C-alpha cells in the first residue's frame, strides 16, 4: 500500500493532548516531535501559527496502514476482487482496504487520502450500523474518532 502524500499541514485546531506524528522544519531539516503532553508543549506549536503567516514548517504524517494496525486493527486482503481482476488479465490496484477489530463486530474501510468508514455488523440481522464515515487524515484523528464511537 503506497500513499502519494505522506504528510500534510495541519490546522491549529487539530492539536490536542496526545497529538503525535508531527514534525517541525528547523535549521534545514525536519525533526520529529514528541507527542503533546501538556499546555507547555502547545506553546511551541501555537507560536508557529501566531506568526501570522502560512505555516509551512510544520507537517503531520498522513494516515497509513501501519497507523491503523498500531491501533489494533487487522488488515484483511481483498482476495475476491483480486482474483476476479486477475482472471480478466488485468492488474489489481485496490482503491480501498479492509480491516477488522478483534473481539468486536467492527470493520474499517480505508480509502487512502480520502476517508475512513467504520461500521458494526449486527450478526442477528446481518445489517451494518455505520459508526463513522468521513475524512480522517492522521492517526490523531482516527484515535479521536474511535474514542467518540466507543472503540
N, C-alpha and C. Protein backbone atom coordinates (compact mmCIF):
# COMPACT_ATOMS: atom_id res chain seq x y z
N UNK A 1 0.83 -1.18 0.00
CA UNK A 1 0.00 0.00 0.00
C UNK A 1 0.88 1.23 0.00
N UNK A 2 0.75 2.00 -1.02
CA UNK A 2 1.57 3.21 -1.12
C UNK A 2 0.65 4.42 -1.14
N UNK A 3 1.05 5.44 -0.45
CA UNK A 3 0.24 6.64 -0.38
C UNK A 3 1.03 7.79 -0.99
N UNK A 4 0.35 8.62 -1.80
CA UNK A 4 1.04 9.69 -2.51
C UNK A 4 1.56 10.76 -1.57
N UNK A 5 0.71 11.36 -0.76
CA UNK A 5 1.11 12.44 0.12
C UNK A 5 1.35 11.88 1.52
N UNK A 6 2.59 11.76 1.90
CA UNK A 6 2.90 11.18 3.20
C UNK A 6 2.69 12.16 4.34
N UNK A 7 2.63 13.46 4.03
CA UNK A 7 2.47 14.48 5.07
C UNK A 7 1.49 15.55 4.60
N UNK A 8 0.91 16.25 5.55
CA UNK A 8 0.06 17.39 5.25
C UNK A 8 0.26 18.43 6.34
N UNK A 9 -0.16 19.66 6.07
CA UNK A 9 -0.04 20.74 7.04
C UNK A 9 -1.33 20.81 7.84
N UNK A 10 -1.27 20.55 9.15
CA UNK A 10 -2.48 20.57 9.98
C UNK A 10 -2.92 21.99 10.30
N UNK A 11 -4.16 22.12 10.73
CA UNK A 11 -4.68 23.40 11.22
C UNK A 11 -4.36 23.52 12.70
N UNK A 12 -4.34 24.73 13.22
CA UNK A 12 -4.05 24.95 14.65
C UNK A 12 -5.04 24.18 15.53
N UNK A 13 -6.30 24.13 15.10
CA UNK A 13 -7.33 23.45 15.87
C UNK A 13 -7.20 21.94 15.92
N UNK A 14 -6.33 21.37 15.10
CA UNK A 14 -6.13 19.92 15.10
C UNK A 14 -5.35 19.44 16.32
N UNK A 15 -4.59 20.32 16.93
CA UNK A 15 -3.70 19.91 18.01
C UNK A 15 -4.45 19.74 19.33
N UNK A 16 -4.11 18.67 20.03
CA UNK A 16 -4.70 18.39 21.34
C UNK A 16 -3.70 17.53 22.14
N UNK A 17 -3.98 17.32 23.41
CA UNK A 17 -3.11 16.46 24.22
C UNK A 17 -3.04 15.09 23.56
N UNK A 18 -1.84 14.57 23.41
CA UNK A 18 -1.63 13.27 22.77
C UNK A 18 -1.34 13.36 21.28
N UNK A 19 -1.44 14.55 20.69
CA UNK A 19 -1.19 14.70 19.26
C UNK A 19 0.24 14.23 18.96
N UNK A 20 0.39 13.41 17.95
CA UNK A 20 1.71 12.83 17.64
C UNK A 20 1.94 12.78 16.14
N UNK A 21 3.07 12.24 15.76
CA UNK A 21 3.46 12.06 14.36
C UNK A 21 3.53 13.38 13.59
N UNK A 22 4.01 14.42 14.24
CA UNK A 22 4.20 15.68 13.53
C UNK A 22 5.67 16.07 13.60
N UNK A 23 6.07 16.88 12.63
CA UNK A 23 7.47 17.31 12.52
C UNK A 23 7.52 18.81 12.33
N UNK A 24 8.62 19.40 12.79
CA UNK A 24 8.87 20.83 12.61
C UNK A 24 10.16 20.99 11.80
N UNK A 25 10.10 21.89 10.81
CA UNK A 25 11.26 22.17 9.98
C UNK A 25 12.05 23.30 10.62
N UNK A 26 13.27 23.00 10.99
CA UNK A 26 14.11 23.99 11.65
C UNK A 26 15.57 23.71 11.29
N UNK A 27 16.30 24.75 11.03
CA UNK A 27 17.72 24.64 10.71
C UNK A 27 17.99 23.66 9.57
N UNK A 28 17.13 23.72 8.54
CA UNK A 28 17.35 22.95 7.33
C UNK A 28 16.93 21.49 7.35
N UNK A 29 16.23 21.05 8.41
CA UNK A 29 15.79 19.65 8.42
C UNK A 29 14.49 19.47 9.20
N UNK A 30 13.78 18.41 8.85
CA UNK A 30 12.55 18.05 9.55
C UNK A 30 12.90 17.23 10.78
N UNK A 31 12.34 17.61 11.93
CA UNK A 31 12.61 16.91 13.18
C UNK A 31 11.30 16.42 13.77
N UNK A 32 11.23 15.10 14.01
CA UNK A 32 10.03 14.52 14.61
C UNK A 32 9.90 15.02 16.05
N UNK A 33 8.69 15.42 16.41
CA UNK A 33 8.42 15.97 17.73
C UNK A 33 7.75 14.92 18.63
N UNK A 34 7.97 15.01 19.93
CA UNK A 34 7.29 14.08 20.85
C UNK A 34 5.81 14.43 20.94
N UNK A 35 4.97 13.48 21.36
CA UNK A 35 3.54 13.78 21.50
C UNK A 35 3.32 14.95 22.46
N UNK A 36 2.29 15.74 22.19
CA UNK A 36 1.96 16.86 23.07
C UNK A 36 1.40 16.30 24.38
N UNK A 37 2.01 16.68 25.49
CA UNK A 37 1.61 16.13 26.78
C UNK A 37 0.94 17.14 27.71
N UNK A 38 1.20 18.44 27.50
CA UNK A 38 0.62 19.45 28.38
C UNK A 38 0.56 20.79 27.67
N UNK A 39 0.03 21.81 28.35
CA UNK A 39 -0.14 23.11 27.70
C UNK A 39 1.19 23.76 27.33
N UNK A 40 2.25 23.45 28.04
CA UNK A 40 3.57 23.99 27.70
C UNK A 40 3.98 23.53 26.29
N UNK A 41 3.68 22.26 25.99
CA UNK A 41 4.03 21.73 24.67
C UNK A 41 3.29 22.47 23.55
N UNK A 42 2.09 22.95 23.85
CA UNK A 42 1.31 23.66 22.84
C UNK A 42 1.95 24.98 22.45
N UNK A 43 2.66 25.61 23.38
CA UNK A 43 3.22 26.95 23.11
C UNK A 43 4.09 26.97 21.87
N UNK A 44 4.97 25.99 21.73
CA UNK A 44 5.86 25.95 20.57
C UNK A 44 5.07 25.82 19.27
N UNK A 45 4.05 24.97 19.30
CA UNK A 45 3.23 24.76 18.10
C UNK A 45 2.42 26.01 17.79
N UNK A 46 1.75 26.55 18.79
CA UNK A 46 0.91 27.72 18.55
C UNK A 46 1.72 28.96 18.17
N UNK A 47 2.95 29.06 18.62
CA UNK A 47 3.81 30.16 18.20
C UNK A 47 3.99 30.16 16.68
N UNK A 48 4.07 28.98 16.09
CA UNK A 48 4.20 28.89 14.64
C UNK A 48 2.98 29.47 13.94
N UNK A 49 1.79 29.22 14.51
CA UNK A 49 0.56 29.72 13.90
C UNK A 49 0.36 31.21 14.19
N UNK A 50 0.84 31.68 15.33
CA UNK A 50 0.62 33.06 15.73
C UNK A 50 1.52 34.07 15.03
N UNK A 51 2.45 33.57 14.23
CA UNK A 51 3.33 34.48 13.50
C UNK A 51 2.60 35.18 12.36
N UNK A 52 1.35 34.76 12.11
CA UNK A 52 0.52 35.44 11.12
C UNK A 52 0.83 35.14 9.68
N UNK A 53 1.55 34.08 9.41
CA UNK A 53 1.82 33.71 8.03
C UNK A 53 1.45 32.25 7.81
N UNK A 54 1.48 31.84 6.59
CA UNK A 54 1.16 30.46 6.27
C UNK A 54 2.20 29.54 6.89
N UNK A 55 1.72 28.54 7.61
CA UNK A 55 2.63 27.61 8.28
C UNK A 55 3.11 26.57 7.27
N UNK A 56 4.39 26.62 6.95
CA UNK A 56 4.97 25.65 6.02
C UNK A 56 6.07 24.84 6.69
N UNK A 57 6.37 25.17 7.93
CA UNK A 57 7.44 24.46 8.62
C UNK A 57 6.89 23.51 9.68
N UNK A 58 5.67 23.05 9.47
CA UNK A 58 5.03 22.09 10.36
C UNK A 58 4.26 21.10 9.50
N UNK A 59 4.43 19.82 9.76
CA UNK A 59 3.69 18.82 8.99
C UNK A 59 3.33 17.64 9.88
N UNK A 60 2.28 16.94 9.48
CA UNK A 60 1.80 15.75 10.19
C UNK A 60 1.80 14.59 9.21
N UNK A 61 2.21 13.44 9.68
CA UNK A 61 2.23 12.24 8.85
C UNK A 61 0.79 11.83 8.52
N UNK A 62 0.54 11.57 7.24
CA UNK A 62 -0.79 11.12 6.81
C UNK A 62 -1.04 9.70 7.29
N UNK A 63 -2.30 9.39 7.49
CA UNK A 63 -2.72 8.06 7.93
C UNK A 63 -2.23 7.01 6.94
N UNK A 64 -1.69 5.92 7.45
CA UNK A 64 -1.28 4.81 6.59
C UNK A 64 -1.61 3.49 7.26
N UNK A 65 -1.32 2.39 6.59
CA UNK A 65 -1.66 1.06 7.10
C UNK A 65 -1.03 0.80 8.47
N UNK A 66 0.22 1.18 8.65
CA UNK A 66 0.89 0.90 9.93
C UNK A 66 0.22 1.65 11.08
N UNK A 67 -0.28 2.86 10.82
CA UNK A 67 -1.01 3.61 11.86
C UNK A 67 -2.28 2.88 12.26
N UNK A 68 -3.04 2.43 11.26
CA UNK A 68 -4.30 1.72 11.53
C UNK A 68 -4.01 0.45 12.32
N UNK A 69 -3.01 -0.31 11.90
CA UNK A 69 -2.66 -1.55 12.60
C UNK A 69 -2.14 -1.29 14.01
N UNK A 70 -1.47 -0.15 14.22
CA UNK A 70 -0.95 0.16 15.56
C UNK A 70 -2.08 0.40 16.57
N UNK A 71 -3.28 0.66 16.06
CA UNK A 71 -4.44 0.85 16.93
C UNK A 71 -5.25 -0.43 17.10
N UNK A 72 -4.67 -1.55 16.67
CA UNK A 72 -5.30 -2.85 16.91
C UNK A 72 -6.15 -3.40 15.78
N UNK A 73 -6.20 -2.72 14.65
CA UNK A 73 -6.97 -3.21 13.51
C UNK A 73 -6.11 -4.22 12.73
N UNK A 74 -6.75 -5.22 12.15
CA UNK A 74 -6.05 -6.26 11.39
C UNK A 74 -6.46 -6.18 9.93
N UNK A 75 -5.47 -6.06 9.05
CA UNK A 75 -5.71 -5.95 7.61
C UNK A 75 -6.24 -7.27 7.06
N UNK A 76 -7.27 -7.17 6.21
CA UNK A 76 -7.85 -8.33 5.54
C UNK A 76 -7.73 -8.11 4.04
N UNK A 77 -6.95 -8.96 3.37
CA UNK A 77 -6.76 -8.80 1.93
C UNK A 77 -8.05 -9.08 1.18
N UNK A 78 -8.29 -8.33 0.14
CA UNK A 78 -9.47 -8.48 -0.70
C UNK A 78 -9.16 -9.49 -1.80
N UNK A 79 -9.07 -10.76 -1.42
CA UNK A 79 -8.70 -11.80 -2.38
C UNK A 79 -9.79 -12.03 -3.43
N UNK A 80 -11.05 -11.78 -3.08
CA UNK A 80 -12.15 -11.97 -4.02
C UNK A 80 -12.00 -11.04 -5.23
N UNK A 81 -11.87 -9.74 -4.99
CA UNK A 81 -11.75 -8.79 -6.10
C UNK A 81 -10.41 -8.95 -6.82
N UNK A 82 -9.37 -9.32 -6.08
CA UNK A 82 -8.06 -9.55 -6.72
C UNK A 82 -8.18 -10.69 -7.73
N UNK A 83 -8.82 -11.79 -7.32
CA UNK A 83 -8.96 -12.95 -8.20
C UNK A 83 -9.79 -12.60 -9.44
N UNK A 84 -10.91 -11.90 -9.24
CA UNK A 84 -11.75 -11.51 -10.38
C UNK A 84 -10.98 -10.65 -11.37
N UNK A 85 -10.23 -9.71 -10.87
CA UNK A 85 -9.46 -8.79 -11.72
C UNK A 85 -8.37 -9.54 -12.47
N UNK A 86 -7.64 -10.39 -11.77
CA UNK A 86 -6.54 -11.12 -12.40
C UNK A 86 -7.04 -12.15 -13.40
N UNK A 87 -8.24 -12.72 -13.16
CA UNK A 87 -8.81 -13.66 -14.13
C UNK A 87 -9.12 -12.98 -15.45
N UNK A 88 -9.39 -11.68 -15.40
CA UNK A 88 -9.66 -10.91 -16.62
C UNK A 88 -8.36 -10.43 -17.26
N UNK A 89 -7.21 -10.82 -16.69
CA UNK A 89 -5.92 -10.44 -17.24
C UNK A 89 -5.49 -9.03 -16.92
N UNK A 90 -6.09 -8.46 -15.90
CA UNK A 90 -5.75 -7.08 -15.51
C UNK A 90 -4.96 -7.08 -14.21
N UNK A 91 -4.30 -5.98 -13.97
CA UNK A 91 -3.54 -5.81 -12.73
C UNK A 91 -4.49 -5.28 -11.67
N UNK A 92 -4.47 -5.90 -10.52
CA UNK A 92 -5.34 -5.50 -9.41
C UNK A 92 -4.73 -4.30 -8.68
N UNK A 93 -5.42 -3.18 -8.70
CA UNK A 93 -4.99 -1.97 -7.98
C UNK A 93 -6.14 -1.58 -7.05
N UNK A 94 -6.00 -1.92 -5.77
CA UNK A 94 -7.11 -1.63 -4.84
C UNK A 94 -7.30 -0.13 -4.61
N UNK A 95 -8.55 0.26 -4.42
CA UNK A 95 -8.88 1.66 -4.12
C UNK A 95 -9.17 1.84 -2.64
N UNK A 96 -9.37 0.73 -1.95
CA UNK A 96 -9.63 0.79 -0.52
C UNK A 96 -9.18 -0.52 0.13
N UNK A 97 -9.07 -0.49 1.46
CA UNK A 97 -8.52 -1.62 2.21
C UNK A 97 -9.41 -1.89 3.40
N UNK A 98 -9.58 -3.18 3.74
CA UNK A 98 -10.44 -3.58 4.85
C UNK A 98 -9.62 -4.01 6.05
N UNK A 99 -10.13 -3.67 7.23
CA UNK A 99 -9.53 -4.06 8.49
C UNK A 99 -10.65 -4.51 9.43
N UNK A 100 -10.31 -5.41 10.34
CA UNK A 100 -11.25 -5.81 11.38
C UNK A 100 -10.63 -5.53 12.74
N UNK A 101 -11.48 -5.40 13.73
CA UNK A 101 -11.02 -5.13 15.10
C UNK A 101 -11.33 -6.37 15.91
N UNK A 102 -10.29 -7.08 16.41
CA UNK A 102 -10.51 -8.30 17.19
C UNK A 102 -11.44 -8.05 18.39
N UNK A 103 -12.22 -9.05 18.70
CA UNK A 103 -13.15 -9.04 19.84
C UNK A 103 -14.25 -7.99 19.70
N UNK A 104 -14.50 -7.52 18.48
CA UNK A 104 -15.61 -6.60 18.22
C UNK A 104 -16.27 -7.04 16.92
N UNK A 105 -17.35 -6.41 16.58
CA UNK A 105 -18.02 -6.66 15.30
C UNK A 105 -17.70 -5.52 14.32
N UNK A 106 -16.63 -4.80 14.60
CA UNK A 106 -16.28 -3.61 13.83
C UNK A 106 -15.41 -3.93 12.61
N UNK A 107 -15.71 -3.24 11.52
CA UNK A 107 -14.84 -3.27 10.34
C UNK A 107 -14.52 -1.84 9.97
N UNK A 108 -13.34 -1.65 9.42
CA UNK A 108 -12.88 -0.34 8.98
C UNK A 108 -12.49 -0.46 7.52
N UNK A 109 -13.01 0.43 6.71
CA UNK A 109 -12.62 0.50 5.30
C UNK A 109 -11.88 1.81 5.13
N UNK A 110 -10.66 1.72 4.62
CA UNK A 110 -9.80 2.89 4.46
C UNK A 110 -9.62 3.19 2.98
N UNK A 111 -9.98 4.40 2.60
CA UNK A 111 -9.78 4.90 1.25
C UNK A 111 -8.62 5.90 1.35
N UNK A 112 -7.39 5.48 1.05
CA UNK A 112 -6.22 6.34 1.29
C UNK A 112 -6.37 7.76 0.74
N UNK A 113 -6.10 8.70 1.63
CA UNK A 113 -6.16 10.09 1.26
C UNK A 113 -7.56 10.66 1.11
N UNK A 114 -8.59 9.82 1.31
CA UNK A 114 -9.96 10.28 1.09
C UNK A 114 -10.79 10.19 2.38
N UNK A 115 -11.01 8.96 2.86
CA UNK A 115 -11.85 8.82 4.04
C UNK A 115 -11.67 7.47 4.71
N UNK A 116 -12.33 7.36 5.86
CA UNK A 116 -12.40 6.12 6.63
C UNK A 116 -13.88 5.84 6.88
N UNK A 117 -14.24 4.58 6.78
CA UNK A 117 -15.63 4.16 7.02
C UNK A 117 -15.58 3.06 8.08
N UNK A 118 -16.23 3.28 9.22
CA UNK A 118 -16.25 2.27 10.29
C UNK A 118 -17.68 1.86 10.52
N UNK A 119 -17.90 0.55 10.54
CA UNK A 119 -19.25 0.06 10.80
C UNK A 119 -19.22 -1.15 11.71
N UNK A 120 -20.35 -1.40 12.34
CA UNK A 120 -20.52 -2.55 13.22
C UNK A 120 -21.61 -3.42 12.60
N UNK A 121 -21.36 -4.71 12.50
CA UNK A 121 -22.32 -5.62 11.87
C UNK A 121 -23.13 -6.32 12.96
N UNK A 122 -24.44 -6.23 12.84
CA UNK A 122 -25.34 -6.94 13.74
C UNK A 122 -25.52 -8.35 13.19
N UNK A 123 -24.95 -9.32 13.87
CA UNK A 123 -24.97 -10.70 13.40
C UNK A 123 -26.42 -11.21 13.27
N UNK A 124 -27.30 -10.79 14.14
CA UNK A 124 -28.68 -11.26 14.13
C UNK A 124 -29.38 -10.93 12.82
N UNK A 125 -29.25 -9.69 12.37
CA UNK A 125 -29.95 -9.26 11.17
C UNK A 125 -29.02 -9.07 9.97
N UNK A 126 -27.73 -9.24 10.18
CA UNK A 126 -26.72 -9.06 9.14
C UNK A 126 -26.80 -7.67 8.50
N UNK A 127 -27.12 -6.70 9.30
CA UNK A 127 -27.19 -5.32 8.82
C UNK A 127 -26.08 -4.50 9.45
N UNK A 128 -25.34 -3.77 8.63
CA UNK A 128 -24.28 -2.93 9.19
C UNK A 128 -24.86 -1.66 9.80
N UNK A 129 -24.24 -1.23 10.86
CA UNK A 129 -24.59 0.03 11.50
C UNK A 129 -23.38 0.95 11.34
N UNK A 130 -23.54 2.02 10.57
CA UNK A 130 -22.42 2.92 10.31
C UNK A 130 -22.13 3.72 11.57
N UNK A 131 -20.89 3.63 12.04
CA UNK A 131 -20.44 4.36 13.22
C UNK A 131 -19.76 5.66 12.82
N UNK A 132 -19.04 5.63 11.70
CA UNK A 132 -18.36 6.83 11.19
C UNK A 132 -18.07 6.63 9.71
N UNK A 133 -18.25 7.68 8.95
CA UNK A 133 -17.86 7.68 7.55
C UNK A 133 -17.50 9.11 7.19
N UNK A 134 -16.22 9.34 6.94
CA UNK A 134 -15.78 10.69 6.61
C UNK A 134 -14.28 10.80 6.56
N UNK A 135 -13.83 12.03 6.49
CA UNK A 135 -12.40 12.33 6.38
C UNK A 135 -11.65 11.89 7.64
N UNK A 136 -10.45 11.41 7.43
CA UNK A 136 -9.57 11.02 8.53
C UNK A 136 -8.14 11.08 7.99
N UNK A 137 -7.45 12.17 8.30
CA UNK A 137 -6.15 12.42 7.69
C UNK A 137 -4.97 11.80 8.43
N UNK A 138 -5.12 11.55 9.75
CA UNK A 138 -3.97 11.06 10.50
C UNK A 138 -4.39 10.13 11.62
N UNK A 139 -3.40 9.50 12.24
CA UNK A 139 -3.66 8.62 13.38
C UNK A 139 -4.31 9.40 14.52
N UNK A 140 -3.99 10.69 14.62
CA UNK A 140 -4.58 11.52 15.67
C UNK A 140 -6.09 11.60 15.51
N UNK A 141 -6.54 11.80 14.28
CA UNK A 141 -7.98 11.87 14.02
C UNK A 141 -8.63 10.51 14.22
N UNK A 142 -7.96 9.43 13.80
CA UNK A 142 -8.54 8.09 13.97
C UNK A 142 -8.68 7.75 15.45
N UNK A 143 -7.71 8.12 16.27
CA UNK A 143 -7.84 7.90 17.72
C UNK A 143 -9.06 8.62 18.29
N UNK A 144 -9.24 9.86 17.87
CA UNK A 144 -10.36 10.67 18.35
C UNK A 144 -11.70 10.07 17.89
N UNK A 145 -11.77 9.64 16.65
CA UNK A 145 -12.99 9.01 16.12
C UNK A 145 -13.31 7.76 16.93
N UNK A 146 -12.29 6.93 17.17
CA UNK A 146 -12.51 5.70 17.95
C UNK A 146 -13.02 6.03 19.35
N UNK A 147 -12.48 7.07 19.95
CA UNK A 147 -12.91 7.46 21.29
C UNK A 147 -14.39 7.88 21.26
N UNK A 148 -14.77 8.68 20.27
CA UNK A 148 -16.15 9.16 20.16
C UNK A 148 -17.15 8.03 19.94
N UNK A 149 -16.75 7.00 19.18
CA UNK A 149 -17.71 5.92 18.91
C UNK A 149 -17.55 4.73 19.85
N UNK A 150 -16.66 4.88 20.83
CA UNK A 150 -16.54 3.88 21.89
C UNK A 150 -15.76 2.62 21.56
N UNK A 151 -14.74 2.78 20.75
CA UNK A 151 -13.88 1.62 20.43
C UNK A 151 -12.65 1.70 21.30
